[in-house]
Amino acid sequence: QMVTEEPLLSSKTGDLFICFTATAPGYVSRLLHKERLVAVCSPSLYQEIDHQNWRQDLLNFPLLSCDLDEDAKQPGGDWAVWSKG
């Protein structure tokens, strides 16, 4: 099954993105820049993440927003965005 590596969000500063897709739980797409991290993940899928280090990293980020463009949403519920702001 094909899974896109394209980040679900665009970034003016080119922050590091981690995108957990609904079609492939645990699949990670990363773009590195500076020392910031942005994670995109549906709450239901977030519960499925079994890599403790990734989960702990996500828990360390403040919840910034649950608003994404409809086109950026994957099946499986609302999306949340965390950032090491």
PDB file of N, CA and C in Angstrom:
ATOM      1  N   GLN A   1       0.839  -1.199   0.000  1.00  0.00           N
ATOM      2  CA  GLN A   1       0.000   0.000   0.000  1.00  0.00           C
ATOM      3  C   GLN A   1       0.873   1.248   0.000  1.00  0.00           C
ATOM      4  N   MET A   2       0.577   2.149  -0.899  1.00  0.00           N
ATOM      5  CA  MET A   2       1.378   3.367  -1.016  1.00  0.00           C
ATOM      6  C   MET A   2       1.010   4.363   0.072  1.00  0.00           C
ATOM      7  N   VAL A   3       2.047   4.979   0.638  1.00  0.00           N
ATOM      8  CA  VAL A   3       1.830   5.987   1.673  1.00  0.00           C
ATOM      9  C   VAL A   3       2.633   7.218   1.298  1.00  0.00           C
ATOM     10  N   THR A   4       1.977   8.369   1.319  1.00  0.00           N
ATOM     11  CA  THR A   4       2.670   9.587   0.945  1.00  0.00           C
ATOM     12  C   THR A   4       3.660  10.021   2.024  1.00  0.00           C
ATOM     13  N   GLU A   5       4.798  10.543   1.613  1.00  0.00           N
ATOM     14  CA  GLU A   5       5.781  11.042   2.571  1.00  0.00           C
ATOM     15  C   GLU A   5       5.641  12.544   2.750  1.00  0.00           C
ATOM     16  N   GLU A   6       4.689  13.130   2.029  1.00  0.00           N
ATOM     17  CA  GLU A   6       4.510  14.574   2.090  1.00  0.00           C
ATOM     18  C   GLU A   6       3.954  14.990   3.446  1.00  0.00           C
ATOM     19  N   PRO A   7       4.562  15.982   4.093  1.00  0.00           N
ATOM     20  CA  PRO A   7       4.049  16.431   5.387  1.00  0.00           C
ATOM     21  C   PRO A   7       2.617  16.925   5.245  1.00  0.00           C
ATOM     22  N   LEU A   8       1.823  16.741   6.291  1.00  0.00           N
ATOM     23  CA  LEU A   8       0.434  17.167   6.245  1.00  0.00           C
ATOM     24  C   LEU A   8       0.306  18.673   6.461  1.00  0.00           C
ATOM     25  N   LEU A   9       1.369  19.283   6.937  1.00  0.00           N
ATOM     26  CA  LEU A   9       1.358  20.719   7.163  1.00  0.00           C
ATOM     27  C   LEU A   9       2.536  21.363   6.452  1.00  0.00           C
ATOM     28  N   SER A  10       2.343  22.589   5.997  1.00  0.00           N
ATOM     29  CA  SER A  10       3.465  23.324   5.423  1.00  0.00           C
ATOM     30  C   SER A  10       4.091  24.170   6.528  1.00  0.00           C
ATOM     31  N   SER A  11       5.359  24.499   6.362  1.00  0.00           N
ATOM     32  CA  SER A  11       6.039  25.274   7.395  1.00  0.00           C
ATOM     33  C   SER A  11       6.924  26.339   6.768  1.00  0.00           C
ATOM     34  N   LYS A  12       6.720  27.556   7.176  1.00  0.00           N
ATOM     35  CA  LYS A  12       7.520  28.647   6.635  1.00  0.00           C
ATOM     36  C   LYS A  12       8.975  28.541   7.088  1.00  0.00           C
ATOM     37  N   THR A  13       9.180  27.946   8.265  1.00  0.00           N
ATOM     38  CA  THR A  13      10.536  27.862   8.799  1.00  0.00           C
ATOM     39  C   THR A  13      11.168  26.495   8.565  1.00  0.00           C
ATOM     40  N   GLY A  14      10.421  25.583   7.962  1.00  0.00           N
ATOM     41  CA  GLY A  14      10.989  24.270   7.678  1.00  0.00           C
ATOM     42  C   GLY A  14      11.281  23.452   8.909  1.00  0.00           C
ATOM     43  N   ASP A  15      10.385  23.501   9.877  1.00  0.00           N
ATOM     44  CA  ASP A  15      10.578  22.741  11.106  1.00  0.00           C
ATOM     45  C   ASP A  15      10.563  21.241  10.819  1.00  0.00           C
ATOM     46  N   LEU A  16      10.953  20.476  11.805  1.00  0.00           N
ATOM     47  CA  LEU A  16      10.921  19.026  11.679  1.00  0.00           C
ATOM     48  C   LEU A  16       9.486  18.544  11.843  1.00  0.00           C
ATOM     49  N   PHE A  17       9.023  17.785  10.848  1.00  0.00           N
ATOM     50  CA  PHE A  17       7.665  17.262  10.904  1.00  0.00           C
ATOM     51  C   PHE A  17       7.693  15.762  11.171  1.00  0.00           C
ATOM     52  N   ILE A  18       6.793  15.310  11.999  1.00  0.00           N
ATOM     53  CA  ILE A  18       6.563  13.880  12.145  1.00  0.00           C
ATOM     54  C   ILE A  18       5.085  13.656  11.873  1.00  0.00           C
ATOM     55  N   CYS A  19       4.786  12.903  10.843  1.00  0.00           N
ATOM     56  CA  CYS A  19       3.399  12.677  10.458  1.00  0.00           C
ATOM     57  C   CYS A  19       3.053  11.206  10.613  1.00  0.00           C
ATOM     58  N   PHE A  20       2.117  10.905  11.492  1.00  0.00           N
ATOM     59  CA  PHE A  20       1.640   9.544  11.639  1.00  0.00           C
ATOM     60  C   PHE A  20       0.396   9.418  10.774  1.00  0.00           C
ATOM     61  N   THR A  21       0.452   8.609   9.745  1.00  0.00           N
ATOM     62  CA  THR A  21      -0.671   8.518   8.827  1.00  0.00           C
ATOM     63  C   THR A  21      -1.673   7.478   9.283  1.00  0.00           C
ATOM     64  N   ALA A  22      -2.922   7.714   8.944  1.00  0.00           N
ATOM     65  CA  ALA A  22      -3.977   6.784   9.342  1.00  0.00           C
ATOM     66  C   ALA A  22      -3.874   5.476   8.572  1.00  0.00           C
ATOM     67  N   THR A  23      -3.261   5.520   7.397  1.00  0.00           N
ATOM     68  CA  THR A  23      -3.175   4.316   6.579  1.00  0.00           C
ATOM     69  C   THR A  23      -2.026   3.414   6.995  1.00  0.00           C
ATOM     70  N   ALA A  24      -1.043   3.960   7.674  1.00  0.00           N
ATOM     71  CA  ALA A  24       0.103   3.161   8.104  1.00  0.00           C
ATOM     72  C   ALA A  24       0.542   3.616   9.494  1.00  0.00           C
ATOM     73  N   PRO A  25      -0.094   3.133  10.537  1.00  0.00           N
ATOM     74  CA  PRO A  25       0.257   3.528  11.906  1.00  0.00           C
ATOM     75  C   PRO A  25       1.748   3.363  12.177  1.00  0.00           C
ATOM     76  N   GLY A  26       2.351   4.378  12.762  1.00  0.00           N
ATOM     77  CA  GLY A  26       3.762   4.305  13.087  1.00  0.00           C
ATOM     78  C   GLY A  26       4.657   4.798  11.971  1.00  0.00           C
ATOM     79  N   TYR A  27       4.098   4.996  10.768  1.00  0.00           N
ATOM     80  CA  TYR A  27       4.910   5.500   9.670  1.00  0.00           C
ATOM     81  C   TYR A  27       5.310   6.941   9.987  1.00  0.00           C
ATOM     82  N   VAL A  28       6.582   7.236   9.790  1.00  0.00           N
ATOM     83  CA  VAL A  28       7.068   8.565  10.151  1.00  0.00           C
ATOM     84  C   VAL A  28       7.682   9.270   8.951  1.00  0.00           C
ATOM     85  N   SER A  29       7.250  10.508   8.735  1.00  0.00           N
ATOM     86  CA  SER A  29       7.826  11.330   7.680  1.00  0.00           C
ATOM     87  C   SER A  29       8.535  12.493   8.354  1.00  0.00           C
ATOM     88  N   ARG A  30       9.832  12.669   8.046  1.00  0.00           N
ATOM     89  CA  ARG A  30      10.594  13.675   8.765  1.00  0.00           C
ATOM     90  C   ARG A  30      11.322  14.628   7.829  1.00  0.00           C
ATOM     91  N   LEU A  31      11.253  15.909   8.165  1.00  0.00           N
ATOM     92  CA  LEU A  31      12.014  16.945   7.474  1.00  0.00           C
ATOM     93  C   LEU A  31      12.733  17.742   8.549  1.00  0.00           C
ATOM     94  N   LEU A  32      14.070  17.685   8.509  1.00  0.00           N
ATOM     95  CA  LEU A  32      14.834  18.291   9.591  1.00  0.00           C
ATOM     96  C   LEU A  32      15.250  19.725   9.287  1.00  0.00           C
ATOM     97  N   HIS A  33      15.059  20.594  10.245  1.00  0.00           N
ATOM     98  CA  HIS A  33      15.533  21.966  10.132  1.00  0.00           C
ATOM     99  C   HIS A  33      15.533  22.593  11.513  1.00  0.00           C
ATOM    100  N   LYS A  34      16.645  23.225  11.874  1.00  0.00           N
ATOM    101  CA  LYS A  34      16.776  23.845  13.194  1.00  0.00           C
ATOM    102  C   LYS A  34      16.577  22.800  14.286  1.00  0.00           C
ATOM    103  N   GLU A  35      16.054  23.212  15.432  1.00  0.00           N
ATOM    104  CA  GLU A  35      15.868  22.264  16.530  1.00  0.00           C
ATOM    105  C   GLU A  35      14.441  22.310  17.032  1.00  0.00           C
ATOM    106  N   ARG A  36      13.511  22.357  16.085  1.00  0.00           N
ATOM    107  CA  ARG A  36      12.114  22.372  16.483  1.00  0.00           C
ATOM    108  C   ARG A  36      11.426  21.137  15.929  1.00  0.00           C
ATOM    109  N   LEU A  37      10.331  20.783  16.544  1.00  0.00           N
ATOM    110  CA  LEU A  37       9.628  19.574  16.146  1.00  0.00           C
ATOM    111  C   LEU A  37       8.134  19.846  16.109  1.00  0.00           C
ATOM    112  N   VAL A  38       7.514  19.420  15.039  1.00  0.00           N
ATOM    113  CA  VAL A  38       6.059  19.509  14.948  1.00  0.00           C
ATOM    114  C   VAL A  38       5.525  18.117  14.662  1.00  0.00           C
ATOM    115  N   ALA A  39       4.550  17.698  15.409  1.00  0.00           N
ATOM    116  CA  ALA A  39       3.982  16.361  15.216  1.00  0.00           C
ATOM    117  C   ALA A  39       2.518  16.477  14.829  1.00  0.00           C
ATOM    118  N   VAL A  40       2.137  15.667  13.877  1.00  0.00           N
ATOM    119  CA  VAL A  40       0.745  15.642  13.436  1.00  0.00           C
ATOM    120  C   VAL A  40       0.221  14.225  13.620  1.00  0.00           C
ATOM    121  N   CYS A  41      -0.907  14.099  14.293  1.00  0.00           N
ATOM    122  CA  CYS A  41      -1.378  12.762  14.628  1.00  0.00           C
ATOM    123  C   CYS A  41      -2.828  12.836  15.069  1.00  0.00           C
ATOM    124  N   SER A  42      -3.642  11.894  14.619  1.00  0.00           N
ATOM    125  CA  SER A  42      -5.027  11.853  15.090  1.00  0.00           C
ATOM    126  C   SER A  42      -5.042  11.268  16.497  1.00  0.00           C
ATOM    127  N   PRO A  43      -5.920  11.760  17.364  1.00  0.00           N
ATOM    128  CA  PRO A  43      -5.969  11.246  18.741  1.00  0.00           C
ATOM    129  C   PRO A  43      -6.115   9.729  18.798  1.00  0.00           C
ATOM    130  N   SER A  44      -6.970   9.177  17.921  1.00  0.00           N
ATOM    131  CA  SER A  44      -7.171   7.728  17.939  1.00  0.00           C
ATOM    132  C   SER A  44      -5.905   7.000  17.512  1.00  0.00           C
ATOM    133  N   LEU A  45      -5.211   7.551  16.534  1.00  0.00           N
ATOM    134  CA  LEU A  45      -3.982   6.919  16.068  1.00  0.00           C
ATOM    135  C   LEU A  45      -2.867   7.102  17.092  1.00  0.00           C
ATOM    136  N   TYR A  46      -2.882   8.232  17.774  1.00  0.00           N
ATOM    137  CA  TYR A  46      -1.877   8.500  18.803  1.00  0.00           C
ATOM    138  C   TYR A  46      -1.872   7.387  19.843  1.00  0.00           C
ATOM    139  N   GLN A  47      -3.060   6.872  20.149  1.00  0.00           N
ATOM    140  CA  GLN A  47      -3.165   5.794  21.127  1.00  0.00           C
ATOM    141  C   GLN A  47      -2.494   4.516  20.625  1.00  0.00           C
ATOM    142  N   GLU A  48      -2.339   4.409  19.306  1.00  0.00           N
ATOM    143  CA  GLU A  48      -1.776   3.199  18.719  1.00  0.00           C
ATOM    144  C   GLU A  48      -0.244   3.223  18.679  1.00  0.00           C
ATOM    145  N   ILE A  49       0.326   4.401  18.899  1.00  0.00           N
ATOM    146  CA  ILE A  49       1.782   4.528  18.815  1.00  0.00           C
ATOM    147  C   ILE A  49       2.425   3.738  19.952  1.00  0.00           C
ATOM    148  N   ASP A  50       3.258   2.762  19.594  1.00  0.00           N
ATOM    149  CA  ASP A  50       3.807   1.889  20.631  1.00  0.00           C
ATOM    150  C   ASP A  50       5.291   2.111  20.891  1.00  0.00           C
ATOM    151  N   HIS A  51       5.885   3.087  20.191  1.00  0.00           N
ATOM    152  CA  HIS A  51       7.297   3.364  20.438  1.00  0.00           C
ATOM    153  C   HIS A  51       7.386   4.383  21.570  1.00  0.00           C
ATOM    154  N   GLN A  52       7.830   3.932  22.735  1.00  0.00           N
ATOM    155  CA  GLN A  52       7.777   4.756  23.938  1.00  0.00           C
ATOM    156  C   GLN A  52       8.502   6.096  23.774  1.00  0.00           C
ATOM    157  N   ASN A  53       9.637   6.098  23.076  1.00  0.00           N
ATOM    158  CA  ASN A  53      10.387   7.345  22.920  1.00  0.00           C
ATOM    159  C   ASN A  53       9.599   8.379  22.133  1.00  0.00           C
ATOM    160  N   TRP A  54       8.976   7.926  21.037  1.00  0.00           N
ATOM    161  CA  TRP A  54       8.169   8.866  20.254  1.00  0.00           C
ATOM    162  C   TRP A  54       7.009   9.368  21.080  1.00  0.00           C
ATOM    163  N   ARG A  55       6.355   8.448  21.818  1.00  0.00           N
ATOM    164  CA  ARG A  55       5.197   8.849  22.612  1.00  0.00           C
ATOM    165  C   ARG A  55       5.608   9.888  23.657  1.00  0.00           C
ATOM    166  N   GLN A  56       6.737   9.650  24.316  1.00  0.00           N
ATOM    167  CA  GLN A  56       7.198  10.583  25.344  1.00  0.00           C
ATOM    168  C   GLN A  56       7.513  11.943  24.720  1.00  0.00           C
ATOM    169  N   ASP A  57       8.127  11.947  23.543  1.00  0.00           N
ATOM    170  CA  ASP A  57       8.417  13.205  22.863  1.00  0.00           C
ATOM    171  C   ASP A  57       7.134  13.975  22.594  1.00  0.00           C
ATOM    172  N   LEU A  58       6.112  13.273  22.128  1.00  0.00           N
ATOM    173  CA  LEU A  58       4.844  13.931  21.821  1.00  0.00           C
ATOM    174  C   LEU A  58       4.212  14.494  23.082  1.00  0.00           C
ATOM    175  N   LEU A  59       4.290  13.741  24.181  1.00  0.00           N
ATOM    176  CA  LEU A  59       3.689  14.188  25.433  1.00  0.00           C
ATOM    177  C   LEU A  59       4.381  15.438  25.970  1.00  0.00           C
ATOM    178  N   ASN A  60       5.621  15.680  25.544  1.00  0.00           N
ATOM    179  CA  ASN A  60       6.373  16.838  26.022  1.00  0.00           C
ATOM    180  C   ASN A  60       6.011  18.115  25.272  1.00  0.00           C
ATOM    181  N   PHE A  61       5.221  17.984  24.205  1.00  0.00           N
ATOM    182  CA  PHE A  61       4.864  19.164  23.426  1.00  0.00           C
ATOM    183  C   PHE A  61       3.547  19.745  23.898  1.00  0.00           C
ATOM    184  N   PRO A  62       3.455  21.071  23.954  1.00  0.00           N
ATOM    185  CA  PRO A  62       2.174  21.679  24.280  1.00  0.00           C
ATOM    186  C   PRO A  62       1.222  21.514  23.099  1.00  0.00           C
ATOM    187  N   LEU A  63      -0.046  21.300  23.393  1.00  0.00           N
ATOM    188  CA  LEU A  63      -1.032  21.183  22.327  1.00  0.00           C
ATOM    189  C   LEU A  63      -1.319  22.578  21.792  1.00  0.00           C
ATOM    190  N   LEU A  64      -0.973  22.799  20.515  1.00  0.00           N
ATOM    191  CA  LEU A  64      -1.136  24.126  19.929  1.00  0.00           C
ATOM    192  C   LEU A  64      -2.489  24.299  19.271  1.00  0.00           C
ATOM    193  N   SER A  65      -2.907  23.305  18.516  1.00  0.00           N
ATOM    194  CA  SER A  65      -4.121  23.479  17.732  1.00  0.00           C
ATOM    195  C   SER A  65      -4.661  22.140  17.260  1.00  0.00           C
ATOM    196  N   CYS A  66      -5.961  22.072  17.088  1.00  0.00           N
ATOM    197  CA  CYS A  66      -6.579  20.884  16.512  1.00  0.00           C
ATOM    198  C   CYS A  66      -7.183  21.245  15.167  1.00  0.00           C
ATOM    199  N   ASP A  67      -6.789  22.379  14.623  1.00  0.00           N
ATOM    200  CA  ASP A  67      -7.364  22.845  13.371  1.00  0.00           C
ATOM    201  C   ASP A  67      -6.434  22.562  12.205  1.00  0.00           C
ATOM    202  N   LEU A  68      -6.927  21.786  11.253  1.00  0.00           N
ATOM    203  CA  LEU A  68      -6.198  21.526  10.020  1.00  0.00           C
ATOM    204  C   LEU A  68      -7.177  21.682   8.866  1.00  0.00           C
ATOM    205  N   ASP A  69      -6.658  21.976   7.685  1.00  0.00           N
ATOM    206  CA  ASP A  69      -7.521  22.027   6.504  1.00  0.00           C
ATOM    207  C   ASP A  69      -8.167  20.668   6.299  1.00  0.00           C
ATOM    208  N   GLU A  70      -9.399  20.674   5.804  1.00  0.00           N
ATOM    209  CA  GLU A  70     -10.106  19.415   5.570  1.00  0.00           C
ATOM    210  C   GLU A  70      -9.308  18.490   4.656  1.00  0.00           C
ATOM    211  N   ASP A  71      -8.627  19.069   3.684  1.00  0.00           N
ATOM    212  CA  ASP A  71      -7.852  18.272   2.735  1.00  0.00           C
ATOM    213  C   ASP A  71      -6.687  17.559   3.410  1.00  0.00           C
ATOM    214  N   ALA A  72      -6.250  18.086   4.539  1.00  0.00           N
ATOM    215  CA  ALA A  72      -5.088  17.511   5.215  1.00  0.00           C
ATOM    216  C   ALA A  72      -5.487  16.397   6.173  1.00  0.00           C
ATOM    217  N   LYS A  73      -6.783  16.254   6.415  1.00  0.00           N
ATOM    218  CA  LYS A  73      -7.241  15.246   7.365  1.00  0.00           C
ATOM    219  C   LYS A  73      -7.331  13.875   6.716  1.00  0.00           C
ATOM    220  N   GLN A  74      -6.948  12.865   7.471  1.00  0.00           N
ATOM    221  CA  GLN A  74      -7.073  11.484   7.025  1.00  0.00           C
ATOM    222  C   GLN A  74      -8.246  10.870   7.789  1.00  0.00           C
ATOM    223  N   PRO A  75      -8.787   9.764   7.291  1.00  0.00           N
ATOM    224  CA  PRO A  75      -9.874   9.108   8.026  1.00  0.00           C
ATOM    225  C   PRO A  75      -9.411   8.717   9.435  1.00  0.00           C
ATOM    226  N   GLY A  76     -10.284   8.853  10.394  1.00  0.00           N
ATOM    227  CA  GLY A  76      -9.924   8.418  11.744  1.00  0.00           C
ATOM    228  C   GLY A  76     -10.117   9.471  12.811  1.00  0.00           C
ATOM    229  N   GLY A  77     -10.766  10.578  12.487  1.00  0.00           N
ATOM    230  CA  GLY A  77     -11.058  11.551  13.536  1.00  0.00           C
ATOM    231  C   GLY A  77     -10.303  12.854  13.405  1.00  0.00           C
ATOM    232  N   ASP A  78     -10.429  13.675  14.427  1.00  0.00           N
ATOM    233  CA  ASP A  78      -9.780  14.982  14.436  1.00  0.00           C
ATOM    234  C   ASP A  78      -8.273  14.837  14.553  1.00  0.00           C
ATOM    235  N   TRP A  79      -7.576  15.884  14.158  1.00  0.00           N
ATOM    236  CA  TRP A  79      -6.116  15.878  14.221  1.00  0.00           C
ATOM    237  C   TRP A  79      -5.638  16.890  15.240  1.00  0.00           C
ATOM    238  N   ALA A  80      -4.520  16.585  15.853  1.00  0.00           N
ATOM    239  CA  ALA A  80      -3.935  17.499  16.823  1.00  0.00           C
ATOM    240  C   ALA A  80      -2.505  17.816  16.404  1.00  0.00           C
ATOM    241  N   VAL A  81      -2.063  19.017  16.725  1.00  0.00           N
ATOM    242  CA  VAL A  81      -0.719  19.443  16.342  1.00  0.00           C
ATOM    243  C   VAL A  81       0.059  19.818  17.601  1.00  0.00           C
ATOM    244  N   TRP A  82       1.208  19.191  17.761  1.00  0.00           N
ATOM    245  CA  TRP A  82       2.080  19.524  18.888  1.00  0.00           C
ATOM    246  C   TRP A  82       3.331  20.226  18.365  1.00  0.00           C
ATOM    247  N   SER A  83       3.876  21.134  19.144  1.00  0.00           N
ATOM    248  CA  SER A  83       5.108  21.796  18.739  1.00  0.00           C
ATOM    249  C   SER A  83       5.968  22.124  19.950  1.00  0.00           C
ATOM    250  N   LYS A  84       7.279  21.981  19.770  1.00  0.00           N
ATOM    251  CA  LYS A  84       8.245  22.352  20.799  1.00  0.00           C
ATOM    252  C   LYS A  84       8.470  23.848  20.678  1.00  0.00           C
ATOM    253  N   GLY A  85       7.460  24.634  20.880  1.00  0.00           N
ATOM    254  CA  GLY A  85       7.531  26.062  20.603  1.00  0.00           C
ATOM    255  C   GLY A  85       8.361  26.842  21.599  1.00  0.00           C
TER     256      GLY A  85
END
